[in-house]
């Protein structure tokens, strides 16, 4: 699973809201048929590499500080991961 917890933490630490990211990257509140970056963070919606690139540029953060990979429990137990 991909988690957006790192960017949530960064926003909280810096006193920014999700609206800050929406405005900085040009993602309107109703962008792409859903409620912009707010919906991305709260419902773990996908983002494109282009959007990820914009967030990196706006925040100055590397990808690892925006998203993180958390292996599913069943993948670990069943050995179905690629590693």
Protein backbone atom coordinates (compact mmCIF):
# COMPACT_ATOMS: atom_id res chain seq x y z
CA UNK A 1 0.00 0.00 0.00
CA UNK A 2 1.15 3.52 -0.70
CA UNK A 3 0.68 5.88 2.23
CA UNK A 4 0.68 9.68 2.17
CA UNK A 5 1.51 9.88 5.87
CA UNK A 6 4.90 11.54 5.28
CA UNK A 7 3.34 14.55 3.51
CA UNK A 8 0.54 14.70 6.11
CA UNK A 9 3.20 14.90 8.81
CA UNK A 10 5.11 17.59 6.89
CA UNK A 11 1.97 19.69 6.42
CA UNK A 12 1.18 19.46 10.14
CA UNK A 13 4.76 20.27 11.20
CA UNK A 14 4.82 23.35 8.97
CA UNK A 15 1.32 24.58 9.81
CA UNK A 16 0.03 24.11 6.27
CA UNK A 17 -3.32 22.74 5.20
CA UNK A 18 -4.08 20.54 2.22
CA UNK A 19 -5.39 23.71 0.58
CA UNK A 20 -1.76 24.94 0.53
CA UNK A 21 -0.72 22.03 -1.70
CA UNK A 22 -3.84 22.37 -3.87
CA UNK A 23 -3.03 26.01 -4.55
CA UNK A 24 0.72 25.60 -5.01
CA UNK A 25 0.48 22.80 -7.55
CA UNK A 26 -2.56 24.18 -9.34
CA UNK A 27 -4.89 21.35 -8.37
CA UNK A 28 -8.26 22.99 -7.88
CA UNK A 29 -10.65 21.77 -5.22
CA UNK A 30 -12.69 19.87 -7.82
CA UNK A 31 -9.73 18.81 -9.93
CA UNK A 32 -10.04 15.53 -11.82
CA UNK A 33 -13.57 14.91 -10.60
CA UNK A 34 -12.75 14.70 -6.93
CA UNK A 35 -11.88 17.09 -4.16
CA UNK A 36 -8.27 17.75 -5.16
CA UNK A 37 -5.39 16.79 -2.91
CA UNK A 38 -7.68 16.58 0.13
CA UNK A 39 -9.30 13.48 -1.37
CA UNK A 40 -5.88 12.08 -2.32
CA UNK A 41 -4.64 12.29 1.27
CA UNK A 42 -7.77 11.13 3.04
CA UNK A 43 -8.77 8.29 0.72
CA UNK A 44 -5.32 7.27 -0.57
CA UNK A 45 -6.26 8.09 -4.17
CA UNK A 46 -3.51 7.76 -6.74
CA UNK A 47 -1.53 10.72 -8.02
CA UNK A 48 0.39 10.89 -11.27
CA UNK A 49 4.15 11.21 -11.44
CA UNK A 50 3.57 14.70 -12.80
CA UNK A 51 1.65 15.67 -9.66
CA UNK A 52 4.27 14.00 -7.47
CA UNK A 53 6.95 15.98 -9.29
CA UNK A 54 5.04 19.24 -8.65
CA UNK A 55 4.69 18.44 -4.95
CA UNK A 56 8.43 17.71 -4.71
CA UNK A 57 9.24 21.05 -6.37
CA UNK A 58 6.81 23.07 -4.23
CA UNK A 59 7.84 21.54 -0.92
CA UNK A 60 11.51 20.85 -1.67
CA UNK A 61 10.99 17.31 -0.39
CA UNK A 62 12.20 14.05 -1.92
CA UNK A 63 9.59 11.44 -2.87
CA UNK A 64 10.36 9.45 0.29
CA UNK A 65 9.10 12.39 2.38
CA UNK A 66 5.82 12.55 0.44
CA UNK A 67 4.80 8.89 0.12
CA UNK A 68 5.90 5.63 1.67
CA UNK A 69 5.38 2.01 0.75
CA UNK A 70 3.86 -0.24 3.38
CA UNK A 71 3.80 -3.93 2.41
CA UNK A 72 0.42 -5.61 2.80
CA UNK A 73 0.35 -8.11 5.65
CA UNK A 74 -0.84 -10.94 3.39
CA UNK A 75 2.08 -10.34 0.98
CA UNK A 76 4.59 -10.73 3.80
CA UNK A 77 2.95 -13.88 5.12
CA UNK A 78 2.33 -15.62 1.80
CA UNK A 79 5.65 -14.76 0.21
CA UNK A 80 3.97 -13.27 -2.87
CA UNK A 81 6.11 -10.15 -2.95
CA UNK A 82 8.66 -9.67 -5.71
CA UNK A 83 11.65 -9.44 -3.40
